[in-house]
Structures are given as C-alpha cells and as structure tokens.
C-alpha cells in the first residue's frame, strides 16, 4: 500500500514487532526477546499476542515469511523467520514520525489552555 498513514496508529504489539524486525530477520522467540529488551522488560509479549499480530501483519503486507535460516544444523527446521517489508518500513516510519510530532507538542509552551 502506498499510503503509509493507512497503517497508523499502530497497536503497541505491531509497533514493537516492526521495531524488532527493522534491523534483521527473526523467528518468533527472538522477536519476543527483542521486544522485551527494547522495552526494558516493560512489555512481555506472549505467543498468542505475537502470532496473532504476525498473522494480521502478514495479511496486511507489513511483514513476510523469510527463507533465512541462521544455521540450519543448529536451528529447528520448523522455525519460521519473519522480515519487515517495504510497507512495514513505511508504516513504522509513519508511526515514529507521529510520535515525534506528539513529543514536539509537549515541548511547546501552552497557548491559552487553562486547567
């Protein structure tokens, strides 16, 4: 989809999964561990959330299954690796830009707002 704004706002699960896949392809368990690391253990993503989100993300074209195997001799052949797609990168960047705009609003002086 060419309109990256169509995917925003992203759910927290989708945002964290896209961030986890932004630098490299990963299998499910590695994605869960990356989310935990990225969130400084504030987000713990279980298999139901992860695989439900991945299914919807595959259908939306945000991620794709990869043929990549880190080390086929050491890796479980049933492991599916996922990679971010061009649409996923666009959606991630649009979401991060949305967050940047929100943060910039907090740095502006209040303009006539009273509490």
N, C-alpha and C. Protein backbone atom coordinates (compact mmCIF):
# COMPACT_ATOMS: atom_id res chain seq x y z
N UNK A 1 0.85 -1.17 0.00
CA UNK A 1 0.00 0.00 0.00
C UNK A 1 0.89 1.23 0.00
N UNK A 2 0.62 2.17 -0.85
CA UNK A 2 1.48 3.33 -0.97
C UNK A 2 1.24 4.37 0.10
N UNK A 3 0.08 4.37 0.71
CA UNK A 3 -0.22 5.35 1.74
C UNK A 3 0.14 4.79 3.11
N UNK A 4 1.33 5.13 3.60
CA UNK A 4 1.79 4.56 4.86
C UNK A 4 0.94 5.02 6.03
N UNK A 5 0.25 6.14 5.92
CA UNK A 5 -0.59 6.62 7.01
C UNK A 5 -1.80 5.72 7.22
N UNK A 6 -2.11 4.88 6.24
CA UNK A 6 -3.24 3.98 6.38
C UNK A 6 -3.04 2.97 7.50
N UNK A 7 -1.78 2.75 7.89
CA UNK A 7 -1.48 1.77 8.93
C UNK A 7 -1.38 2.38 10.32
N UNK A 8 -1.41 3.70 10.42
CA UNK A 8 -1.24 4.33 11.73
C UNK A 8 -2.58 4.77 12.28
N UNK A 9 -2.76 4.81 13.56
CA UNK A 9 -1.78 4.41 14.56
C UNK A 9 -1.66 2.89 14.65
N UNK A 10 -0.45 2.45 14.93
CA UNK A 10 -0.19 1.02 15.11
C UNK A 10 -0.49 0.62 16.54
N UNK A 11 -0.88 -0.62 16.73
CA UNK A 11 -1.04 -1.12 18.10
C UNK A 11 0.36 -1.24 18.70
N UNK A 12 0.47 -1.21 20.03
CA UNK A 12 1.79 -1.38 20.64
C UNK A 12 2.48 -2.68 20.21
N UNK A 13 1.73 -3.76 20.09
CA UNK A 13 2.33 -5.04 19.69
C UNK A 13 2.93 -4.94 18.29
N UNK A 14 2.19 -4.37 17.36
CA UNK A 14 2.67 -4.23 15.98
C UNK A 14 3.88 -3.31 15.93
N UNK A 15 3.84 -2.22 16.67
CA UNK A 15 4.97 -1.29 16.71
C UNK A 15 6.24 -2.00 17.19
N UNK A 16 6.13 -2.71 18.30
CA UNK A 16 7.31 -3.40 18.84
C UNK A 16 7.80 -4.50 17.90
N UNK A 17 6.90 -5.21 17.24
CA UNK A 17 7.33 -6.26 16.31
C UNK A 17 8.06 -5.64 15.12
N UNK A 18 7.52 -4.57 14.57
CA UNK A 18 8.19 -3.91 13.45
C UNK A 18 9.56 -3.39 13.87
N UNK A 19 9.66 -2.81 15.07
CA UNK A 19 10.96 -2.34 15.54
C UNK A 19 11.94 -3.50 15.69
N UNK A 20 11.44 -4.65 16.17
CA UNK A 20 12.30 -5.82 16.36
C UNK A 20 12.82 -6.34 15.02
N UNK A 21 12.03 -6.19 13.98
CA UNK A 21 12.41 -6.71 12.66
C UNK A 21 13.13 -5.67 11.80
N UNK A 22 13.21 -4.44 12.27
CA UNK A 22 13.79 -3.36 11.45
C UNK A 22 15.24 -3.59 11.09
N UNK A 23 16.00 -4.24 11.97
CA UNK A 23 17.42 -4.41 11.69
C UNK A 23 17.79 -5.80 11.18
N UNK A 24 16.92 -6.79 11.41
CA UNK A 24 17.24 -8.13 10.90
C UNK A 24 16.02 -9.04 10.98
N UNK A 25 16.08 -10.10 10.19
CA UNK A 25 15.02 -11.11 10.21
C UNK A 25 15.14 -11.93 11.49
N UNK A 26 13.99 -12.33 12.04
CA UNK A 26 14.00 -13.07 13.30
C UNK A 26 12.87 -14.09 13.30
N UNK A 27 13.04 -15.12 14.12
CA UNK A 27 11.97 -16.09 14.36
C UNK A 27 11.17 -15.60 15.58
N UNK A 28 10.04 -16.24 15.84
CA UNK A 28 9.12 -15.78 16.87
C UNK A 28 9.74 -15.56 18.24
N UNK A 29 10.48 -16.54 18.73
CA UNK A 29 11.06 -16.41 20.07
C UNK A 29 12.04 -15.24 20.12
N UNK A 30 12.83 -15.07 19.06
CA UNK A 30 13.78 -13.97 19.00
C UNK A 30 13.05 -12.62 18.99
N UNK A 31 11.91 -12.56 18.31
CA UNK A 31 11.11 -11.33 18.31
C UNK A 31 10.64 -11.03 19.73
N UNK A 32 10.12 -12.05 20.44
CA UNK A 32 9.65 -11.84 21.82
C UNK A 32 10.78 -11.34 22.71
N UNK A 33 11.97 -11.91 22.57
CA UNK A 33 13.11 -11.49 23.39
C UNK A 33 13.55 -10.07 23.02
N UNK A 34 13.48 -9.71 21.73
CA UNK A 34 13.86 -8.37 21.31
C UNK A 34 12.87 -7.33 21.84
N UNK A 35 11.59 -7.66 21.82
CA UNK A 35 10.57 -6.76 22.37
C UNK A 35 10.84 -6.53 23.85
N UNK A 36 11.14 -7.60 24.56
CA UNK A 36 11.43 -7.48 25.99
C UNK A 36 12.66 -6.59 26.21
N UNK A 37 13.69 -6.77 25.40
CA UNK A 37 14.91 -5.95 25.54
C UNK A 37 14.63 -4.50 25.17
N UNK A 38 13.93 -4.28 24.04
CA UNK A 38 13.65 -2.91 23.59
C UNK A 38 12.80 -2.15 24.60
N UNK A 39 11.91 -2.85 25.27
CA UNK A 39 11.01 -2.19 26.23
C UNK A 39 11.59 -2.17 27.64
N UNK A 40 12.83 -2.62 27.77
CA UNK A 40 13.47 -2.71 29.09
C UNK A 40 12.61 -3.52 30.06
N UNK A 41 12.10 -4.64 29.57
CA UNK A 41 11.26 -5.60 30.31
C UNK A 41 9.91 -5.05 30.74
N UNK A 42 9.48 -3.93 30.16
CA UNK A 42 8.16 -3.37 30.49
C UNK A 42 7.04 -4.02 29.67
N UNK A 43 7.42 -4.62 28.54
CA UNK A 43 6.46 -5.31 27.68
C UNK A 43 6.89 -6.76 27.58
N UNK A 44 5.99 -7.65 27.96
CA UNK A 44 6.24 -9.07 27.82
C UNK A 44 5.19 -9.61 26.85
N UNK A 45 5.62 -9.99 25.67
CA UNK A 45 4.70 -10.43 24.64
C UNK A 45 4.63 -11.95 24.63
N UNK A 46 3.46 -12.48 24.87
CA UNK A 46 3.28 -13.92 24.85
C UNK A 46 3.06 -14.43 23.45
N UNK A 47 3.08 -15.75 23.28
CA UNK A 47 2.92 -16.34 21.96
C UNK A 47 1.58 -15.98 21.29
N UNK A 48 0.51 -15.92 22.06
CA UNK A 48 -0.79 -15.59 21.47
C UNK A 48 -0.81 -14.22 20.83
N UNK A 49 -0.29 -13.24 21.57
CA UNK A 49 -0.22 -11.87 21.04
C UNK A 49 0.72 -11.81 19.86
N UNK A 50 1.89 -12.43 20.00
CA UNK A 50 2.88 -12.38 18.92
C UNK A 50 2.34 -12.99 17.63
N UNK A 51 1.89 -14.22 17.71
CA UNK A 51 1.49 -14.91 16.48
C UNK A 51 0.16 -14.40 15.92
N UNK A 52 -0.72 -13.92 16.77
CA UNK A 52 -1.94 -13.27 16.29
C UNK A 52 -1.60 -11.99 15.54
N UNK A 53 -0.68 -11.21 16.11
CA UNK A 53 -0.25 -9.97 15.45
C UNK A 53 0.48 -10.27 14.15
N UNK A 54 1.38 -11.25 14.18
CA UNK A 54 2.12 -11.60 12.96
C UNK A 54 1.18 -12.05 11.85
N UNK A 55 0.14 -12.80 12.20
CA UNK A 55 -0.83 -13.25 11.20
C UNK A 55 -1.49 -12.05 10.52
N UNK A 56 -1.95 -11.09 11.34
CA UNK A 56 -2.59 -9.90 10.79
C UNK A 56 -1.58 -9.06 9.99
N UNK A 57 -0.34 -9.00 10.46
CA UNK A 57 0.69 -8.23 9.77
C UNK A 57 1.06 -8.88 8.43
N UNK A 58 1.07 -10.21 8.37
CA UNK A 58 1.30 -10.91 7.11
C UNK A 58 0.19 -10.58 6.12
N UNK A 59 -1.06 -10.63 6.60
CA UNK A 59 -2.21 -10.34 5.75
C UNK A 59 -2.18 -8.90 5.24
N UNK A 60 -1.70 -7.97 6.08
CA UNK A 60 -1.63 -6.56 5.71
C UNK A 60 -0.39 -6.23 4.87
N UNK A 61 0.52 -7.18 4.73
CA UNK A 61 1.72 -6.95 3.94
C UNK A 61 2.81 -6.18 4.67
N UNK A 62 2.72 -6.11 6.01
CA UNK A 62 3.73 -5.39 6.79
C UNK A 62 4.97 -6.25 7.04
N UNK A 63 4.79 -7.55 7.09
CA UNK A 63 5.89 -8.49 7.25
C UNK A 63 5.68 -9.64 6.25
N UNK A 64 6.75 -10.39 6.05
CA UNK A 64 6.68 -11.57 5.18
C UNK A 64 7.49 -12.67 5.83
N UNK A 65 7.18 -13.90 5.47
CA UNK A 65 7.99 -15.02 5.93
C UNK A 65 9.27 -15.03 5.11
N UNK A 66 10.35 -15.38 5.76
CA UNK A 66 11.66 -15.40 5.12
C UNK A 66 12.12 -16.84 4.97
N UNK A 67 12.98 -17.06 4.01
CA UNK A 67 13.59 -18.37 3.83
C UNK A 67 14.85 -18.50 4.67
N UNK A 68 15.24 -17.42 5.32
CA UNK A 68 16.50 -17.37 6.06
C UNK A 68 16.53 -18.38 7.20
N UNK A 69 17.66 -19.03 7.33
CA UNK A 69 17.96 -19.88 8.48
C UNK A 69 19.34 -19.48 8.95
N UNK A 70 19.46 -19.12 10.21
CA UNK A 70 20.74 -18.68 10.75
C UNK A 70 21.78 -19.78 10.57
N UNK A 71 21.48 -20.96 11.08
CA UNK A 71 22.37 -22.11 10.96
C UNK A 71 21.47 -23.34 10.92
N UNK A 72 21.18 -23.84 9.72
CA UNK A 72 20.24 -24.95 9.61
C UNK A 72 20.62 -26.17 10.45
N UNK A 73 21.91 -26.37 10.71
CA UNK A 73 22.33 -27.51 11.53
C UNK A 73 21.97 -27.32 12.99
N UNK A 74 21.94 -26.07 13.44
CA UNK A 74 21.67 -25.76 14.84
C UNK A 74 20.23 -25.33 15.07
N UNK A 75 19.55 -24.90 14.02
CA UNK A 75 18.23 -24.32 14.15
C UNK A 75 17.14 -25.35 13.90
N UNK A 76 16.06 -25.23 14.63
CA UNK A 76 14.89 -26.07 14.43
C UNK A 76 14.31 -25.75 13.06
N UNK A 77 14.17 -26.74 12.20
CA UNK A 77 13.69 -26.53 10.84
C UNK A 77 12.25 -26.01 10.79
N UNK A 78 11.52 -26.17 11.89
CA UNK A 78 10.13 -25.69 11.91
C UNK A 78 10.05 -24.19 12.18
N UNK A 79 11.14 -23.60 12.60
CA UNK A 79 11.13 -22.17 12.90
C UNK A 79 10.87 -21.37 11.64
N UNK A 80 9.94 -20.44 11.78
CA UNK A 80 9.65 -19.52 10.67
C UNK A 80 10.30 -18.19 11.01
N UNK A 81 11.06 -17.67 10.06
CA UNK A 81 11.67 -16.36 10.22
C UNK A 81 10.80 -15.33 9.52
N UNK A 82 10.75 -14.15 10.10
CA UNK A 82 9.94 -13.06 9.57
C UNK A 82 10.84 -11.89 9.23
N UNK A 83 10.43 -11.15 8.20
CA UNK A 83 11.17 -9.95 7.81
C UNK A 83 10.18 -8.82 7.56
N UNK A 84 10.64 -7.62 7.79
CA UNK A 84 9.82 -6.44 7.55
C UNK A 84 9.78 -6.19 6.04
N UNK A 85 8.66 -5.76 5.53
CA UNK A 85 8.51 -5.45 4.10
C UNK A 85 8.66 -3.94 3.89
N UNK A 86 8.64 -3.53 2.65
CA UNK A 86 8.66 -2.10 2.34
C UNK A 86 7.48 -1.38 2.98
N UNK A 87 6.31 -2.00 2.90
CA UNK A 87 5.12 -1.40 3.53
C UNK A 87 5.28 -1.34 5.04
N UNK A 88 5.91 -2.36 5.62
CA UNK A 88 6.16 -2.36 7.05
C UNK A 88 7.10 -1.25 7.46
N UNK A 89 8.15 -1.04 6.65
CA UNK A 89 9.09 0.05 6.93
C UNK A 89 8.39 1.40 6.85
N UNK A 90 7.53 1.57 5.85
CA UNK A 90 6.78 2.82 5.71
C UNK A 90 5.86 3.04 6.90
N UNK A 91 5.17 1.98 7.31
CA UNK A 91 4.26 2.08 8.45
C UNK A 91 5.02 2.41 9.73
N UNK A 92 6.17 1.78 9.92
CA UNK A 92 6.98 2.05 11.11
C UNK A 92 7.45 3.50 11.11
N UNK A 93 7.96 3.96 9.99
CA UNK A 93 8.45 5.35 9.91
C UNK A 93 7.30 6.34 10.13
N UNK A 94 6.14 6.06 9.56
CA UNK A 94 4.99 6.95 9.76
C UNK A 94 4.59 7.00 11.23
N UNK A 95 4.62 5.85 11.88
CA UNK A 95 4.26 5.81 13.31
C UNK A 95 5.30 6.54 14.15
N UNK A 96 6.57 6.34 13.85
CA UNK A 96 7.61 7.03 14.61
C UNK A 96 7.53 8.54 14.39
N UNK A 97 7.20 8.96 13.18
CA UNK A 97 7.02 10.39 12.92
C UNK A 97 5.82 10.93 13.70
N UNK A 98 4.76 10.15 13.79
CA UNK A 98 3.59 10.56 14.57
C UNK A 98 3.99 10.77 16.03
N UNK A 99 4.80 9.87 16.57
CA UNK A 99 5.29 10.02 17.95
C UNK A 99 6.17 11.26 18.09
N UNK A 100 7.02 11.51 17.08
CA UNK A 100 7.89 12.70 17.14
C UNK A 100 7.05 13.97 17.22
N UNK A 101 5.97 14.02 16.43
CA UNK A 101 5.09 15.20 16.45
C UNK A 101 4.42 15.36 17.81
N UNK A 102 3.99 14.26 18.39
CA UNK A 102 3.36 14.32 19.71
C UNK A 102 4.36 14.83 20.74
N UNK A 103 5.57 14.29 20.71
CA UNK A 103 6.60 14.72 21.66
C UNK A 103 6.91 16.20 21.46
N UNK A 104 6.98 16.66 20.22
CA UNK A 104 7.29 18.07 19.97
C UNK A 104 6.20 18.98 20.52
N UNK A 105 4.97 18.51 20.54
CA UNK A 105 3.87 19.30 21.11
C UNK A 105 4.06 19.51 22.61
N UNK A 106 4.63 18.54 23.26
CA UNK A 106 4.83 18.67 24.71
C UNK A 106 5.92 19.67 25.05
N UNK A 107 6.75 20.01 24.07
CA UNK A 107 7.85 20.93 24.30
C UNK A 107 7.47 22.38 24.00
N UNK A 108 6.29 22.57 23.41
CA UNK A 108 5.83 23.93 23.11
C UNK A 108 5.17 24.53 24.33
N UNK A 109 5.30 25.86 24.50
CA UNK A 109 4.58 26.49 25.61
C UNK A 109 3.08 26.39 25.39
N UNK A 110 2.35 26.27 26.46
CA UNK A 110 0.88 26.19 26.38
C UNK A 110 0.36 27.48 25.76
N UNK A 111 -0.62 27.34 24.90
CA UNK A 111 -1.17 28.52 24.24
C UNK A 111 -2.63 28.72 24.63
N UNK A 112 -2.82 29.43 25.69
CA UNK A 112 -4.16 29.78 26.11
C UNK A 112 -4.95 28.64 26.72
N UNK A 113 -4.32 27.56 27.03
CA UNK A 113 -5.00 26.43 27.65
C UNK A 113 -5.01 26.63 29.15
N UNK A 114 -6.17 26.58 29.74
CA UNK A 114 -6.27 26.71 31.19
C UNK A 114 -6.79 25.42 31.78
N UNK A 115 -6.35 25.18 32.98
CA UNK A 115 -6.81 23.94 33.64
C UNK A 115 -7.57 24.28 34.89
